[in-house]
Amino acid sequence: MGTHYQHLSAEERATIMILLQQGCSERGIARTLQRSPSTITREIERVLQWPQRVGSVPAGSSSCTYDARATGARAHVMRRKRRCCPKLH
């Protein structure tokens, strides 16, 4: 049997944002959310690298802060890009 994976919810992303603002470590956040530390690290890195992948910083945001509110919209854009330009096999 394969492993079952579950996406981070909006509430979990908001918790990550709040705990990062309070100075919590990635491992501390992982313990709070009962998630793997690597899941939290990947989520933070994914969001922080967003401006570099798109080529510009969205209006009203900083390239060095985690914003849980924008992650859903960003993921939608990336999915749409992949759908329009699928990788060649």
N, C-alpha and C. Protein backbone atom coordinates (compact mmCIF):
# COMPACT_ATOMS: atom_id res chain seq x y z
N MET A 1 0.82 -1.17 0.00
CA MET A 1 0.00 0.00 0.00
C MET A 1 0.87 1.24 0.00
N GLY A 2 0.38 2.26 -0.71
CA GLY A 2 1.11 3.51 -0.78
C GLY A 2 0.84 4.39 0.43
N THR A 3 1.66 5.39 0.57
CA THR A 3 1.49 6.35 1.65
C THR A 3 0.42 7.36 1.27
N HIS A 4 -0.41 7.74 2.20
CA HIS A 4 -1.45 8.73 1.96
C HIS A 4 -0.92 10.11 2.33
N TYR A 5 -0.95 11.01 1.37
CA TYR A 5 -0.48 12.37 1.61
C TYR A 5 -1.66 13.31 1.71
N GLN A 6 -1.53 14.33 2.55
CA GLN A 6 -2.60 15.29 2.73
C GLN A 6 -2.01 16.69 2.61
N HIS A 7 -2.63 17.52 1.79
CA HIS A 7 -2.17 18.90 1.61
C HIS A 7 -2.34 19.69 2.90
N LEU A 8 -1.54 20.73 3.03
CA LEU A 8 -1.71 21.64 4.16
C LEU A 8 -3.01 22.42 3.96
N SER A 9 -3.76 22.56 5.02
CA SER A 9 -5.02 23.32 4.94
C SER A 9 -4.72 24.81 5.09
N ALA A 10 -5.72 25.62 4.78
CA ALA A 10 -5.58 27.06 4.94
C ALA A 10 -5.31 27.42 6.40
N GLU A 11 -5.93 26.68 7.31
CA GLU A 11 -5.71 26.93 8.74
C GLU A 11 -4.27 26.61 9.13
N GLU A 12 -3.73 25.53 8.59
CA GLU A 12 -2.34 25.18 8.89
C GLU A 12 -1.39 26.22 8.33
N ARG A 13 -1.66 26.71 7.13
CA ARG A 13 -0.82 27.75 6.55
C ARG A 13 -0.89 29.04 7.38
N ALA A 14 -2.08 29.37 7.86
CA ALA A 14 -2.22 30.55 8.72
C ALA A 14 -1.44 30.36 10.03
N THR A 15 -1.49 29.16 10.57
CA THR A 15 -0.74 28.86 11.80
C THR A 15 0.76 29.00 11.56
N ILE A 16 1.23 28.53 10.42
CA ILE A 16 2.65 28.67 10.08
C ILE A 16 3.01 30.15 10.04
N MET A 17 2.19 30.96 9.39
CA MET A 17 2.45 32.39 9.28
C MET A 17 2.53 33.04 10.66
N ILE A 18 1.57 32.73 11.52
CA ILE A 18 1.53 33.33 12.86
C ILE A 18 2.73 32.89 13.70
N LEU A 19 3.02 31.60 13.68
CA LEU A 19 4.13 31.10 14.49
C LEU A 19 5.47 31.61 13.99
N LEU A 20 5.63 31.77 12.68
CA LEU A 20 6.87 32.36 12.16
C LEU A 20 7.02 33.80 12.63
N GLN A 21 5.92 34.55 12.64
CA GLN A 21 5.96 35.94 13.10
C GLN A 21 6.30 36.02 14.58
N GLN A 22 5.94 34.97 15.34
CA GLN A 22 6.25 34.94 16.77
C GLN A 22 7.65 34.42 17.04
N GLY A 23 8.36 34.00 15.99
CA GLY A 23 9.74 33.57 16.14
C GLY A 23 9.92 32.08 16.39
N CYS A 24 8.89 31.28 16.17
CA CYS A 24 9.00 29.83 16.36
C CYS A 24 9.90 29.22 15.29
N SER A 25 10.58 28.15 15.67
CA SER A 25 11.41 27.44 14.72
C SER A 25 10.54 26.55 13.83
N GLU A 26 11.10 26.11 12.73
CA GLU A 26 10.37 25.22 11.82
C GLU A 26 10.03 23.90 12.51
N ARG A 27 10.94 23.41 13.33
CA ARG A 27 10.66 22.17 14.06
C ARG A 27 9.57 22.36 15.10
N GLY A 28 9.56 23.51 15.75
CA GLY A 28 8.51 23.81 16.72
C GLY A 28 7.15 23.90 16.05
N ILE A 29 7.12 24.50 14.87
CA ILE A 29 5.87 24.59 14.10
C ILE A 29 5.42 23.19 13.71
N ALA A 30 6.36 22.36 13.29
CA ALA A 30 6.02 20.99 12.89
C ALA A 30 5.42 20.21 14.06
N ARG A 31 5.99 20.39 15.25
CA ARG A 31 5.44 19.71 16.43
C ARG A 31 4.03 20.20 16.73
N THR A 32 3.81 21.51 16.62
CA THR A 32 2.50 22.09 16.88
C THR A 32 1.45 21.54 15.92
N LEU A 33 1.81 21.44 14.65
CA LEU A 33 0.86 20.98 13.63
C LEU A 33 0.84 19.45 13.47
N GLN A 34 1.73 18.78 14.18
CA GLN A 34 1.89 17.33 14.07
C GLN A 34 2.16 16.93 12.63
N ARG A 35 3.12 17.63 12.03
CA ARG A 35 3.57 17.38 10.66
C ARG A 35 5.07 17.15 10.69
N SER A 36 5.57 16.62 9.59
CA SER A 36 7.00 16.42 9.46
C SER A 36 7.70 17.77 9.34
N PRO A 37 8.87 17.93 9.96
CA PRO A 37 9.61 19.18 9.82
C PRO A 37 9.92 19.50 8.36
N SER A 38 10.16 18.47 7.55
CA SER A 38 10.46 18.72 6.14
C SER A 38 9.26 19.29 5.40
N THR A 39 8.05 18.92 5.81
CA THR A 39 6.84 19.47 5.19
C THR A 39 6.77 20.97 5.44
N ILE A 40 7.05 21.37 6.67
CA ILE A 40 7.00 22.79 7.03
C ILE A 40 8.10 23.55 6.30
N THR A 41 9.30 23.00 6.27
CA THR A 41 10.42 23.64 5.58
C THR A 41 10.12 23.81 4.11
N ARG A 42 9.60 22.78 3.46
CA ARG A 42 9.27 22.87 2.03
C ARG A 42 8.19 23.91 1.77
N GLU A 43 7.19 23.98 2.63
CA GLU A 43 6.11 24.96 2.46
C GLU A 43 6.67 26.38 2.58
N ILE A 44 7.50 26.61 3.55
CA ILE A 44 8.07 27.95 3.74
C ILE A 44 8.96 28.32 2.56
N GLU A 45 9.81 27.40 2.15
CA GLU A 45 10.70 27.66 1.01
C GLU A 45 9.91 27.90 -0.27
N ARG A 46 8.85 27.15 -0.47
CA ARG A 46 8.03 27.29 -1.67
C ARG A 46 7.43 28.69 -1.73
N VAL A 47 6.93 29.16 -0.61
CA VAL A 47 6.31 30.48 -0.58
C VAL A 47 7.36 31.58 -0.71
N LEU A 48 8.49 31.42 -0.06
CA LEU A 48 9.54 32.45 -0.12
C LEU A 48 10.16 32.55 -1.49
N GLN A 49 10.16 31.48 -2.27
CA GLN A 49 10.76 31.49 -3.60
C GLN A 49 9.78 31.92 -4.67
N TRP A 50 8.53 32.18 -4.31
CA TRP A 50 7.51 32.53 -5.31
C TRP A 50 7.93 33.70 -6.21
N PRO A 51 8.41 34.83 -5.70
CA PRO A 51 8.74 35.95 -6.61
C PRO A 51 9.80 35.58 -7.64
N GLN A 52 10.77 34.75 -7.28
CA GLN A 52 11.81 34.36 -8.22
C GLN A 52 11.25 33.47 -9.33
N ARG A 53 10.26 32.64 -9.01
CA ARG A 53 9.69 31.75 -10.03
C ARG A 53 8.82 32.51 -11.00
N VAL A 54 8.14 33.52 -10.53
CA VAL A 54 7.22 34.27 -11.38
C VAL A 54 7.94 35.41 -12.08
N GLY A 55 8.95 35.99 -11.43
CA GLY A 55 9.70 37.06 -12.04
C GLY A 55 9.40 38.44 -11.47
N SER A 56 8.42 38.54 -10.60
CA SER A 56 8.14 39.84 -9.98
C SER A 56 7.53 39.62 -8.60
N VAL A 57 7.65 40.61 -7.76
CA VAL A 57 7.08 40.54 -6.42
C VAL A 57 5.67 41.09 -6.50
N PRO A 58 4.65 40.34 -6.03
CA PRO A 58 3.28 40.83 -6.06
C PRO A 58 3.12 42.13 -5.28
N ALA A 59 2.21 42.97 -5.71
CA ALA A 59 1.99 44.26 -5.05
C ALA A 59 1.62 44.07 -3.60
N GLY A 60 2.24 44.82 -2.72
CA GLY A 60 1.91 44.79 -1.30
C GLY A 60 2.53 43.65 -0.53
N SER A 61 3.44 42.89 -1.15
CA SER A 61 4.06 41.80 -0.40
C SER A 61 5.57 41.93 -0.47
N SER A 62 6.22 41.26 0.43
CA SER A 62 7.68 41.27 0.49
C SER A 62 8.20 39.91 0.08
N SER A 63 9.35 39.89 -0.52
CA SER A 63 9.90 38.62 -0.98
C SER A 63 10.48 37.80 0.17
N CYS A 64 10.55 38.35 1.39
CA CYS A 64 11.18 37.62 2.49
C CYS A 64 10.21 37.29 3.62
N THR A 65 8.91 37.41 3.40
CA THR A 65 7.95 37.06 4.43
C THR A 65 7.00 36.01 3.93
N TYR A 66 6.56 35.16 4.83
CA TYR A 66 5.61 34.11 4.51
C TYR A 66 4.21 34.68 4.63
N ASP A 67 3.40 34.55 3.58
CA ASP A 67 2.03 35.06 3.61
C ASP A 67 1.08 33.92 3.26
N ALA A 68 0.38 33.43 4.26
CA ALA A 68 -0.52 32.29 4.08
C ALA A 68 -1.70 32.64 3.18
N ARG A 69 -2.10 33.90 3.17
CA ARG A 69 -3.27 34.30 2.39
C ARG A 69 -3.02 34.18 0.90
N ALA A 70 -1.80 34.33 0.46
CA ALA A 70 -1.50 34.34 -0.97
C ALA A 70 -1.13 32.96 -1.51
N THR A 71 -0.92 31.97 -0.67
CA THR A 71 -0.44 30.68 -1.15
C THR A 71 -1.44 29.99 -2.06
N GLY A 72 -2.72 30.07 -1.78
CA GLY A 72 -3.72 29.42 -2.61
C GLY A 72 -3.75 29.99 -4.01
N ALA A 73 -3.71 31.30 -4.12
CA ALA A 73 -3.72 31.94 -5.44
C ALA A 73 -2.44 31.62 -6.20
N ARG A 74 -1.33 31.59 -5.50
CA ARG A 74 -0.06 31.28 -6.14
C ARG A 74 -0.04 29.85 -6.68
N ALA A 75 -0.55 28.94 -5.89
CA ALA A 75 -0.60 27.54 -6.33
C ALA A 75 -1.47 27.40 -7.56
N HIS A 76 -2.57 28.15 -7.61
CA HIS A 76 -3.46 28.09 -8.76
C HIS A 76 -2.73 28.54 -10.03
N VAL A 77 -1.96 29.62 -9.94
CA VAL A 77 -1.22 30.12 -11.10
C VAL A 77 -0.21 29.10 -11.57
N MET A 78 0.50 28.48 -10.62
CA MET A 78 1.52 27.49 -11.01
C MET A 78 0.87 26.27 -11.64
N ARG A 79 -0.26 25.81 -11.11
CA ARG A 79 -0.94 24.67 -11.72
C ARG A 79 -1.38 25.01 -13.13
N ARG A 80 -1.86 26.22 -13.31
CA ARG A 80 -2.32 26.64 -14.62
C ARG A 80 -1.16 26.70 -15.61
N LYS A 81 -0.01 27.20 -15.17
CA LYS A 81 1.18 27.23 -16.02
C LYS A 81 1.58 25.83 -16.45
N ARG A 82 1.58 24.90 -15.50
CA ARG A 82 1.97 23.52 -15.82
C ARG A 82 0.98 22.90 -16.80
N ARG A 83 -0.30 23.21 -16.65
CA ARG A 83 -1.32 22.65 -17.53
C ARG A 83 -1.14 23.19 -18.94
N CYS A 84 -0.80 24.47 -19.07
CA CYS A 84 -0.63 25.08 -20.39
C CYS A 84 0.66 24.65 -21.06
N CYS A 85 1.66 24.34 -20.29
CA CYS A 85 2.96 23.97 -20.83
C CYS A 85 3.43 22.67 -20.20
N PRO A 86 2.81 21.53 -20.55
CA PRO A 86 3.20 20.27 -19.92
C PRO A 86 4.63 19.89 -20.30
N LYS A 87 5.26 19.17 -19.40
CA LYS A 87 6.63 18.69 -19.67
C LYS A 87 6.59 17.61 -20.75
N LEU A 88 7.58 17.64 -21.59
CA LEU A 88 7.67 16.61 -22.63
C LEU A 88 8.29 15.36 -22.03
N HIS A 89 7.77 14.22 -22.40
CA HIS A 89 8.29 12.96 -21.84
C HIS A 89 9.25 12.32 -22.81
